[in-house]
């Protein structure tokens, strides 16, 4: 039986489309808007114990990033500006705004250098060490189903997700809407 060239091309096209659709669903973050995030504990860069639930009552940006991730590093100056603008802001329904940076890394020294070089001045930096062979199976990344970087979740004061992978501009718009007027 002889298979025609067009038949082979059609089969390959269907396989490629199937792979692209599968990759799309595989790469999607585990949680969606409206869901509550799981609590976790960790140790910050400064050696303090951290529990996500301790930030209830605040807007919180969970920022999964890596010192080795080009798009993450390009986005960091925008996050620095966002924190400078909203870190001490007063909101209608929240006590403040915090960024929790979770570095998916296999090299702690490189992670520390990136924080310093990029001027990431907020207090909540968490190292989520991973084996380079199983990078996204580090403890916190696995809890949140992170499969690509950067991955971001914006949480409301109740700990519910109000945005998944928002841009810095979207974050600024969302936080601006929540600020008390006249400040």
N, C-alpha and C. Protein backbone atom coordinates (compact mmCIF):
# COMPACT_ATOMS: atom_id res chain seq x y z
N UNK A 1 0.85 -1.18 0.00
CA UNK A 1 0.00 0.00 0.00
C UNK A 1 0.89 1.23 0.00
N UNK A 2 0.61 2.13 -0.89
CA UNK A 2 1.42 3.34 -1.05
C UNK A 2 0.68 4.53 -0.43
N UNK A 3 1.39 5.26 0.47
CA UNK A 3 0.79 6.43 1.10
C UNK A 3 1.20 7.66 0.31
N UNK A 4 0.24 8.50 0.02
CA UNK A 4 0.50 9.71 -0.75
C UNK A 4 1.18 10.76 0.12
N UNK A 5 1.95 11.61 -0.52
CA UNK A 5 2.67 12.69 0.14
C UNK A 5 1.71 13.61 0.90
N UNK A 6 0.57 13.95 0.31
CA UNK A 6 -0.42 14.82 0.96
C UNK A 6 -0.97 14.18 2.23
N UNK A 7 -1.13 12.88 2.23
CA UNK A 7 -1.63 12.17 3.42
C UNK A 7 -0.60 12.29 4.55
N UNK A 8 0.66 12.12 4.23
CA UNK A 8 1.72 12.24 5.24
C UNK A 8 1.76 13.66 5.80
N UNK A 9 1.66 14.66 4.93
CA UNK A 9 1.64 16.05 5.39
C UNK A 9 0.45 16.32 6.30
N UNK A 10 -0.71 15.80 5.95
CA UNK A 10 -1.91 16.00 6.78
C UNK A 10 -1.73 15.34 8.15
N UNK A 11 -1.15 14.16 8.19
CA UNK A 11 -0.93 13.48 9.47
C UNK A 11 0.06 14.29 10.32
N UNK A 12 1.13 14.76 9.70
CA UNK A 12 2.10 15.58 10.43
C UNK A 12 1.49 16.88 10.94
N UNK A 13 0.66 17.50 10.13
CA UNK A 13 -0.01 18.73 10.53
C UNK A 13 -0.91 18.49 11.74
N UNK A 14 -1.68 17.40 11.73
CA UNK A 14 -2.55 17.06 12.85
C UNK A 14 -1.71 16.81 14.11
N UNK A 15 -0.57 16.11 13.97
CA UNK A 15 0.30 15.85 15.12
C UNK A 15 0.87 17.14 15.69
N UNK A 16 1.33 18.03 14.84
CA UNK A 16 1.89 19.31 15.30
C UNK A 16 0.83 20.13 16.02
N UNK A 17 -0.36 20.21 15.46
CA UNK A 17 -1.45 20.95 16.10
C UNK A 17 -1.79 20.32 17.44
N UNK A 18 -1.85 19.00 17.49
CA UNK A 18 -2.12 18.30 18.75
C UNK A 18 -1.07 18.59 19.80
N UNK A 19 0.20 18.60 19.40
CA UNK A 19 1.28 18.91 20.33
C UNK A 19 1.19 20.34 20.84
N UNK A 20 0.88 21.28 19.98
CA UNK A 20 0.75 22.68 20.39
C UNK A 20 -0.41 22.87 21.37
N UNK A 21 -1.53 22.23 21.10
CA UNK A 21 -2.67 22.32 22.02
C UNK A 21 -2.33 21.67 23.35
N UNK A 22 -1.68 20.52 23.31
CA UNK A 22 -1.27 19.85 24.54
C UNK A 22 -0.31 20.69 25.35
N UNK A 23 0.66 21.32 24.69
CA UNK A 23 1.62 22.18 25.38
C UNK A 23 0.92 23.36 26.03
N UNK A 24 -0.05 23.95 25.33
CA UNK A 24 -0.79 25.08 25.88
C UNK A 24 -1.45 24.70 27.20
N UNK A 25 -2.14 23.57 27.23
CA UNK A 25 -2.83 23.16 28.45
C UNK A 25 -1.85 22.73 29.54
N UNK A 26 -0.74 22.13 29.16
CA UNK A 26 0.27 21.72 30.14
C UNK A 26 0.90 22.94 30.81
N UNK A 27 1.17 24.01 30.06
CA UNK A 27 1.86 25.17 30.58
C UNK A 27 0.96 26.12 31.39
N UNK A 28 -0.34 25.96 31.31
CA UNK A 28 -1.24 26.85 32.05
C UNK A 28 -0.99 26.72 33.55
N UNK A 29 -1.03 27.84 34.27
CA UNK A 29 -0.89 27.77 35.73
C UNK A 29 -2.01 26.93 36.34
N UNK A 30 -1.72 26.32 37.48
CA UNK A 30 -2.67 25.42 38.14
C UNK A 30 -3.93 26.15 38.61
N UNK A 31 -3.77 27.38 39.09
CA UNK A 31 -4.90 28.08 39.69
C UNK A 31 -5.44 29.14 38.73
N UNK A 32 -6.71 29.43 38.88
CA UNK A 32 -7.35 30.44 38.03
C UNK A 32 -7.93 31.54 38.91
N UNK A 33 -8.35 32.60 38.28
CA UNK A 33 -8.93 33.74 38.98
C UNK A 33 -10.12 33.28 39.81
N UNK A 34 -10.20 33.77 41.05
CA UNK A 34 -11.30 33.45 41.95
C UNK A 34 -10.96 32.35 42.95
N UNK A 35 -9.93 31.58 42.69
CA UNK A 35 -9.55 30.50 43.60
C UNK A 35 -8.69 31.05 44.74
N UNK A 36 -8.72 30.35 45.86
CA UNK A 36 -7.83 30.67 46.97
C UNK A 36 -6.52 29.93 46.76
N UNK A 37 -5.44 30.55 47.18
CA UNK A 37 -4.14 29.90 47.04
C UNK A 37 -3.84 29.05 48.27
N UNK A 38 -3.07 28.00 48.09
CA UNK A 38 -2.68 27.21 49.26
C UNK A 38 -1.66 28.00 50.09
N UNK A 39 -1.67 27.77 51.37
CA UNK A 39 -0.70 28.41 52.26
C UNK A 39 0.61 27.64 52.15
N UNK A 40 1.71 28.31 52.37
CA UNK A 40 3.00 27.64 52.43
C UNK A 40 3.89 28.41 53.38
N UNK A 41 4.92 27.72 53.84
CA UNK A 41 5.92 28.35 54.70
C UNK A 41 7.27 28.25 54.01
N UNK A 42 8.15 29.18 54.32
CA UNK A 42 9.48 29.20 53.74
C UNK A 42 10.37 30.09 54.60
N UNK A 43 11.61 30.19 54.21
CA UNK A 43 12.55 31.10 54.85
C UNK A 43 12.94 32.16 53.84
N UNK A 44 12.91 33.42 54.27
CA UNK A 44 13.24 34.53 53.37
C UNK A 44 14.75 34.68 53.23
N UNK A 45 15.14 35.51 52.30
CA UNK A 45 16.55 35.83 52.06
C UNK A 45 17.22 36.31 53.35
N UNK A 46 16.48 37.05 54.17
CA UNK A 46 17.02 37.57 55.43
C UNK A 46 17.02 36.56 56.56
N UNK A 47 16.57 35.33 56.30
CA UNK A 47 16.56 34.28 57.32
C UNK A 47 15.31 34.23 58.18
N UNK A 48 14.31 35.06 57.89
CA UNK A 48 13.08 35.05 58.67
C UNK A 48 12.14 33.96 58.18
N UNK A 49 11.34 33.43 59.11
CA UNK A 49 10.29 32.48 58.73
C UNK A 49 9.17 33.24 58.06
N UNK A 50 8.62 32.66 57.03
CA UNK A 50 7.56 33.30 56.25
C UNK A 50 6.41 32.33 56.08
N UNK A 51 5.20 32.86 56.21
CA UNK A 51 3.98 32.09 55.95
C UNK A 51 3.09 32.98 55.09
N UNK A 52 2.66 32.48 53.93
CA UNK A 52 1.85 33.29 53.02
C UNK A 52 0.61 33.84 53.71
N UNK A 53 -0.05 33.04 54.53
CA UNK A 53 -1.28 33.49 55.19
C UNK A 53 -1.05 34.68 56.12
N UNK A 54 0.20 34.95 56.50
CA UNK A 54 0.47 36.11 57.36
C UNK A 54 0.25 37.43 56.62
N UNK A 55 0.13 37.37 55.29
CA UNK A 55 -0.08 38.58 54.50
C UNK A 55 -1.55 38.81 54.14
N UNK A 56 -2.45 38.01 54.73
CA UNK A 56 -3.88 38.28 54.49
C UNK A 56 -4.18 39.67 55.00
N UNK A 57 -5.07 40.35 54.30
CA UNK A 57 -5.36 41.74 54.61
C UNK A 57 -4.58 42.69 53.71
N UNK A 58 -3.69 42.15 52.88
CA UNK A 58 -2.86 42.92 51.95
C UNK A 58 -3.08 42.39 50.53
N UNK A 59 -2.80 43.22 49.55
CA UNK A 59 -2.67 42.72 48.19
C UNK A 59 -1.28 42.10 48.10
N UNK A 60 -1.19 40.95 47.47
CA UNK A 60 0.08 40.22 47.39
C UNK A 60 0.30 39.77 45.95
N UNK A 61 1.48 40.05 45.45
CA UNK A 61 1.88 39.53 44.16
C UNK A 61 2.86 38.39 44.40
N UNK A 62 2.47 37.18 44.02
CA UNK A 62 3.39 36.04 44.03
C UNK A 62 4.10 36.04 42.68
N UNK A 63 5.39 36.22 42.72
CA UNK A 63 6.18 36.34 41.50
C UNK A 63 7.18 35.18 41.44
N UNK A 64 6.89 34.17 40.61
CA UNK A 64 7.81 33.07 40.39
C UNK A 64 8.75 33.49 39.28
N UNK A 65 10.03 33.50 39.56
CA UNK A 65 11.02 34.00 38.61
C UNK A 65 12.32 33.21 38.77
N UNK A 66 13.30 33.54 37.96
CA UNK A 66 14.62 32.93 38.07
C UNK A 66 15.69 33.89 37.61
N UNK A 67 16.84 33.83 38.25
CA UNK A 67 17.96 34.69 37.86
C UNK A 67 18.43 34.36 36.44
N UNK A 68 18.17 33.18 36.00
CA UNK A 68 18.58 32.68 34.68
C UNK A 68 17.52 32.95 33.60
N UNK A 69 16.37 33.49 34.00
CA UNK A 69 15.22 33.69 33.11
C UNK A 69 15.27 35.10 32.51
N UNK A 70 15.57 35.19 31.22
CA UNK A 70 15.66 36.48 30.55
C UNK A 70 14.40 37.33 30.67
N UNK A 71 13.21 36.79 30.35
CA UNK A 71 11.99 37.59 30.47
C UNK A 71 11.73 38.07 31.91
N UNK A 72 12.13 37.26 32.89
CA UNK A 72 11.96 37.67 34.29
C UNK A 72 12.82 38.88 34.60
N UNK A 73 14.07 38.82 34.17
CA UNK A 73 15.00 39.90 34.46
C UNK A 73 14.59 41.18 33.74
N UNK A 74 14.05 41.06 32.54
CA UNK A 74 13.57 42.23 31.80
C UNK A 74 12.38 42.87 32.52
N UNK A 75 11.55 42.05 33.16
CA UNK A 75 10.36 42.53 33.86
C UNK A 75 10.68 43.14 35.22
N UNK A 76 11.83 42.79 35.81
CA UNK A 76 12.15 43.24 37.17
C UNK A 76 12.14 44.75 37.36
N UNK A 77 12.67 45.57 36.44
CA UNK A 77 12.59 47.02 36.67
C UNK A 77 11.14 47.52 36.81
N UNK A 78 10.23 46.94 36.08
CA UNK A 78 8.82 47.31 36.21
C UNK A 78 8.26 46.94 37.57
N UNK A 79 8.69 45.79 38.09
CA UNK A 79 8.24 45.39 39.44
C UNK A 79 8.83 46.31 40.50
N UNK A 80 10.06 46.73 40.30
CA UNK A 80 10.68 47.68 41.24
C UNK A 80 9.87 48.97 41.27
N UNK A 81 9.50 49.48 40.10
CA UNK A 81 8.68 50.70 40.04
C UNK A 81 7.31 50.47 40.67
N UNK A 82 6.72 49.32 40.42
CA UNK A 82 5.41 48.97 40.99
C UNK A 82 5.48 48.98 42.52
N UNK A 83 6.53 48.37 43.06
CA UNK A 83 6.68 48.33 44.51
C UNK A 83 6.94 49.72 45.08
N UNK A 84 7.72 50.51 44.38
CA UNK A 84 7.99 51.89 44.84
C UNK A 84 6.70 52.69 44.89
N UNK A 85 5.82 52.48 43.94
CA UNK A 85 4.57 53.24 43.86
C UNK A 85 3.52 52.73 44.85
N UNK A 86 3.40 51.40 45.00
CA UNK A 86 2.28 50.84 45.77
C UNK A 86 2.68 50.16 47.08
N UNK A 87 3.98 50.01 47.33
CA UNK A 87 4.42 49.34 48.56
C UNK A 87 3.94 50.01 49.83
N UNK A 88 3.84 51.34 49.82
CA UNK A 88 3.38 52.08 51.01
C UNK A 88 2.02 52.73 50.77
N UNK A 89 1.34 52.33 49.69
CA UNK A 89 0.04 52.95 49.36
C UNK A 89 -1.04 52.50 50.33
N UNK A 90 -2.08 53.31 50.40
CA UNK A 90 -3.25 52.97 51.21
C UNK A 90 -4.37 52.57 50.27
N UNK A 91 -5.00 51.47 50.59
CA UNK A 91 -6.07 50.92 49.76
C UNK A 91 -7.39 50.96 50.50
N UNK A 92 -8.47 50.94 49.72
CA UNK A 92 -9.82 50.96 50.30
C UNK A 92 -10.08 49.73 51.17
N UNK A 93 -9.60 48.59 50.71
CA UNK A 93 -9.96 47.32 51.35
C UNK A 93 -8.76 46.51 51.82
N UNK A 94 -7.58 47.13 51.89
CA UNK A 94 -6.39 46.38 52.27
C UNK A 94 -5.43 47.26 53.04
N UNK A 95 -4.58 46.60 53.81
CA UNK A 95 -3.59 47.32 54.61
C UNK A 95 -2.37 47.72 53.79
N UNK A 96 -2.12 47.08 52.65
CA UNK A 96 -0.96 47.42 51.86
C UNK A 96 -0.77 46.46 50.70
N UNK A 97 0.41 46.54 50.09
CA UNK A 97 0.77 45.72 48.94
C UNK A 97 2.16 45.14 49.16
N UNK A 98 2.30 43.85 48.91
CA UNK A 98 3.59 43.18 49.05
C UNK A 98 3.89 42.34 47.81
N UNK A 99 5.16 42.22 47.51
CA UNK A 99 5.61 41.29 46.47
C UNK A 99 6.35 40.16 47.19
N UNK A 100 5.99 38.94 46.84
CA UNK A 100 6.69 37.76 47.34
C UNK A 100 7.36 37.13 46.12
N UNK A 101 8.67 37.30 46.04
CA UNK A 101 9.44 36.75 44.92
C UNK A 101 9.93 35.36 45.27
N UNK A 102 9.60 34.41 44.43
CA UNK A 102 9.99 33.03 44.66
C UNK A 102 10.93 32.63 43.53
N UNK A 103 12.21 32.54 43.87
CA UNK A 103 13.24 32.23 42.88
C UNK A 103 13.36 30.73 42.68
N UNK A 104 13.05 30.28 41.48
CA UNK A 104 13.21 28.87 41.12
C UNK A 104 14.64 28.73 40.62
N UNK A 105 15.49 28.18 41.44
CA UNK A 105 16.93 28.24 41.20
C UNK A 105 17.62 26.91 41.50
N UNK A 106 18.80 26.76 40.92
CA UNK A 106 19.70 25.69 41.31
C UNK A 106 21.03 26.26 41.79
N UNK A 107 21.11 27.60 41.89
CA UNK A 107 22.34 28.27 42.28
C UNK A 107 22.00 29.46 43.17
N UNK A 108 22.19 29.30 44.47
CA UNK A 108 21.81 30.35 45.42
C UNK A 108 22.62 31.63 45.23
N UNK A 109 23.90 31.51 44.94
CA UNK A 109 24.74 32.71 44.78
C UNK A 109 24.28 33.54 43.59
N UNK A 110 23.93 32.91 42.50
CA UNK A 110 23.44 33.63 41.31
C UNK A 110 22.12 34.33 41.63
N UNK A 111 21.24 33.67 42.40
CA UNK A 111 19.95 34.25 42.81
C UNK A 111 20.18 35.51 43.65
N UNK A 112 21.09 35.43 44.62
CA UNK A 112 21.39 36.58 45.48
C UNK A 112 21.95 37.75 44.66
N UNK A 113 22.85 37.45 43.72
CA UNK A 113 23.42 38.50 42.86
C UNK A 113 22.33 39.17 42.03
N UNK A 114 21.41 38.39 41.49
CA UNK A 114 20.35 38.95 40.65
C UNK A 114 19.45 39.88 41.46
N UNK A 115 19.14 39.51 42.68
CA UNK A 115 18.32 40.37 43.55
C UNK A 115 19.02 41.71 43.77
N UNK A 116 20.31 41.65 44.05
CA UNK A 116 21.08 42.87 44.27
C UNK A 116 21.21 43.69 42.99
N UNK A 117 21.58 43.05 41.89
CA UNK A 117 21.78 43.75 40.62
C UNK A 117 20.49 44.42 40.13
N UNK A 118 19.36 43.74 40.31
CA UNK A 118 18.09 44.26 39.82
C UNK A 118 17.41 45.21 40.81
N UNK A 119 17.99 45.39 42.00
CA UNK A 119 17.45 46.33 42.98
C UNK A 119 16.09 45.91 43.54
N UNK A 120 15.91 44.62 43.76
CA UNK A 120 14.63 44.12 44.27
C UNK A 120 14.60 44.34 45.78
N UNK A 121 14.00 45.46 46.19
CA UNK A 121 14.14 45.95 47.56
C UNK A 121 13.09 45.44 48.54
N UNK A 122 12.12 44.68 48.10
CA UNK A 122 11.09 44.20 49.03
C UNK A 122 11.65 43.07 49.90
N UNK A 123 11.04 42.85 51.07
CA UNK A 123 11.61 41.92 52.04
C UNK A 123 11.34 40.43 51.78
N UNK A 124 10.39 40.12 50.94
CA UNK A 124 9.99 38.72 50.81
C UNK A 124 10.59 38.07 49.57
N UNK A 125 11.82 37.58 49.73
CA UNK A 125 12.51 36.82 48.68
C UNK A 125 12.69 35.41 49.20
N UNK A 126 12.20 34.45 48.44
CA UNK A 126 12.25 33.06 48.86
C UNK A 126 12.98 32.26 47.78
N UNK A 127 13.93 31.46 48.23
CA UNK A 127 14.68 30.59 47.33
C UNK A 127 14.00 29.23 47.30
N UNK A 128 13.58 28.82 46.12
CA UNK A 128 12.95 27.51 45.93
C UNK A 128 13.93 26.66 45.13
N UNK A 129 14.86 26.04 45.86
CA UNK A 129 15.93 25.29 45.21
C UNK A 129 15.38 24.08 44.45
N UNK A 130 15.94 23.90 43.28
CA UNK A 130 15.51 22.81 42.42
C UNK A 130 16.72 22.15 41.80
N UNK A 131 16.57 20.91 41.48
CA UNK A 131 17.58 20.21 40.70
C UNK A 131 17.42 20.64 39.25
N UNK A 132 18.52 20.87 38.56
CA UNK A 132 18.41 21.30 37.16
C UNK A 132 17.73 20.24 36.31
N UNK A 133 17.71 19.00 36.77
CA UNK A 133 17.04 17.94 36.01
C UNK A 133 15.52 17.98 36.17
N UNK A 134 15.05 18.48 37.30
CA UNK A 134 13.61 18.53 37.58
C UNK A 134 13.26 19.92 38.08
N UNK A 135 13.51 20.92 37.26
CA UNK A 135 13.48 22.31 37.67
C UNK A 135 12.16 22.75 38.29
N UNK A 136 11.04 22.42 37.71
CA UNK A 136 9.77 22.92 38.22
C UNK A 136 9.13 21.99 39.23
N UNK A 137 9.89 21.04 39.75
CA UNK A 137 9.38 20.19 40.81
C UNK A 137 9.93 20.60 42.17
N UNK A 138 10.48 21.80 42.26
CA UNK A 138 10.88 22.30 43.57
C UNK A 138 9.61 22.46 44.41
N UNK A 139 9.78 22.57 45.69
CA UNK A 139 8.65 22.48 46.61
C UNK A 139 7.51 23.46 46.32
N UNK A 140 7.80 24.74 46.30
CA UNK A 140 6.73 25.73 46.13
C UNK A 140 6.23 25.76 44.69
N UNK A 141 7.13 25.61 43.72
CA UNK A 141 6.72 25.56 42.31
C UNK A 141 5.75 24.40 42.08
N UNK A 142 5.99 23.27 42.72
CA UNK A 142 5.10 22.12 42.56
C UNK A 142 3.72 22.40 43.17
N UNK A 143 3.69 23.06 44.31
CA UNK A 143 2.41 23.39 44.95
C UNK A 143 1.55 24.25 44.02
N UNK A 144 2.18 25.19 43.33
CA UNK A 144 1.46 26.13 42.47
C UNK A 144 1.40 25.68 41.01
N UNK A 145 1.98 24.54 40.72
CA UNK A 145 1.92 24.02 39.36
C UNK A 145 2.66 24.88 38.35
N UNK A 146 3.74 25.53 38.78
CA UNK A 146 4.50 26.40 37.90
C UNK A 146 5.28 25.54 36.90
N UNK A 147 5.12 25.87 35.63
CA UNK A 147 5.81 25.13 34.58
C UNK A 147 6.57 26.04 33.63
N UNK A 148 6.44 27.35 33.84
CA UNK A 148 7.20 28.30 33.04
C UNK A 148 7.39 29.57 33.86
N UNK A 149 8.43 30.31 33.52
CA UNK A 149 8.71 31.56 34.20
C UNK A 149 8.71 32.69 33.18
N UNK A 150 8.30 33.88 33.60
CA UNK A 150 7.71 34.18 34.90
C UNK A 150 6.26 33.70 34.99
N UNK A 151 5.85 33.39 36.21
CA UNK A 151 4.46 33.09 36.52
C UNK A 151 4.08 33.99 37.69
N UNK A 152 2.93 34.64 37.59
CA UNK A 152 2.50 35.59 38.62
C UNK A 152 1.05 35.35 39.01
N UNK A 153 0.79 35.54 40.29
CA UNK A 153 -0.57 35.53 40.82
C UNK A 153 -0.74 36.78 41.68
N UNK A 154 -1.77 37.58 41.41
CA UNK A 154 -2.11 38.71 42.28
C UNK A 154 -3.24 38.25 43.18
N UNK A 155 -3.02 38.39 44.50
CA UNK A 155 -4.00 37.96 45.50
C UNK A 155 -4.67 39.17 46.12
N UNK A 156 -5.96 39.02 46.40
CA UNK A 156 -6.67 40.07 47.11
C UNK A 156 -6.44 39.91 48.61
N UNK A 157 -6.96 40.81 49.44
CA UNK A 157 -6.71 40.73 50.88
C UNK A 157 -7.24 39.45 51.55
N UNK A 158 -8.14 38.73 50.88
CA UNK A 158 -8.65 37.47 51.42
C UNK A 158 -7.81 36.27 50.98
N UNK A 159 -6.79 36.52 50.16
CA UNK A 159 -5.94 35.43 49.68
C UNK A 159 -6.46 34.75 48.43
N UNK A 160 -7.43 35.39 47.76
CA UNK A 160 -7.97 34.83 46.52
C UNK A 160 -7.26 35.45 45.33
N UNK A 161 -7.12 34.67 44.28
CA UNK A 161 -6.45 35.13 43.07
C UNK A 161 -7.38 36.07 42.31
N UNK A 162 -6.87 37.27 42.00
CA UNK A 162 -7.66 38.20 41.19
C UNK A 162 -7.03 38.44 39.82
N UNK A 163 -5.81 37.92 39.61
CA UNK A 163 -5.19 38.02 38.29
C UNK A 163 -4.12 36.93 38.17
N UNK A 164 -4.06 36.30 37.00
CA UNK A 164 -3.06 35.28 36.71
C UNK A 164 -2.18 35.80 35.57
N UNK A 165 -0.91 35.83 35.82
CA UNK A 165 0.09 36.31 34.85
C UNK A 165 -0.22 37.70 34.28
N UNK A 166 -0.56 38.65 35.16
CA UNK A 166 -0.79 40.01 34.66
C UNK A 166 0.52 40.69 34.30
N UNK A 167 0.47 41.61 33.36
CA UNK A 167 1.64 42.42 33.04
C UNK A 167 1.81 43.46 34.15
N UNK A 168 2.94 44.12 34.17
CA UNK A 168 3.19 45.18 35.15
C UNK A 168 2.15 46.29 34.97
N UNK A 169 1.79 46.60 33.73
CA UNK A 169 0.79 47.63 33.47
C UNK A 169 -0.59 47.21 34.02
N UNK A 170 -0.95 45.95 33.84
CA UNK A 170 -2.22 45.46 34.38
C UNK A 170 -2.22 45.51 35.90
N UNK A 171 -1.09 45.15 36.51
CA UNK A 171 -0.98 45.21 37.97
C UNK A 171 -1.17 46.64 38.46
N UNK A 172 -0.52 47.58 37.81
CA UNK A 172 -0.64 48.99 38.21
C UNK A 172 -2.10 49.45 38.09
N UNK A 173 -2.76 49.07 37.01
CA UNK A 173 -4.15 49.47 36.82
C UNK A 173 -5.04 48.87 37.91
N UNK A 174 -4.85 47.58 38.22
CA UNK A 174 -5.66 46.93 39.25
C UNK A 174 -5.44 47.56 40.62
N UNK A 175 -4.18 47.83 40.96
CA UNK A 175 -3.88 48.42 42.26
C UNK A 175 -4.37 49.87 42.34
N UNK A 176 -4.24 50.60 41.24
CA UNK A 176 -4.71 51.99 41.21
C UNK A 176 -6.21 52.05 41.48
N UNK A 177 -6.96 51.11 40.92
CA UNK A 177 -8.41 51.08 41.13
C UNK A 177 -8.77 50.84 42.59
N UNK A 178 -7.89 50.17 43.33
CA UNK A 178 -8.16 49.81 44.73
C UNK A 178 -7.67 50.83 45.74
N UNK A 179 -6.94 51.83 45.27
CA UNK A 179 -6.37 52.82 46.20
C UNK A 179 -7.45 53.75 46.74
N UNK A 180 -7.19 54.26 47.96
CA UNK A 180 -8.06 55.28 48.52
C UNK A 180 -7.85 56.55 47.70
N UNK A 181 -8.91 57.25 47.43
CA UNK A 181 -8.82 58.50 46.64
C UNK A 181 -8.33 59.64 47.53
N UNK A 182 -7.70 60.62 46.91
CA UNK A 182 -7.28 61.81 47.63
C UNK A 182 -5.93 61.69 48.30
N UNK A 183 -5.20 60.62 48.00
CA UNK A 183 -3.87 60.48 48.62
C UNK A 183 -2.79 60.87 47.66
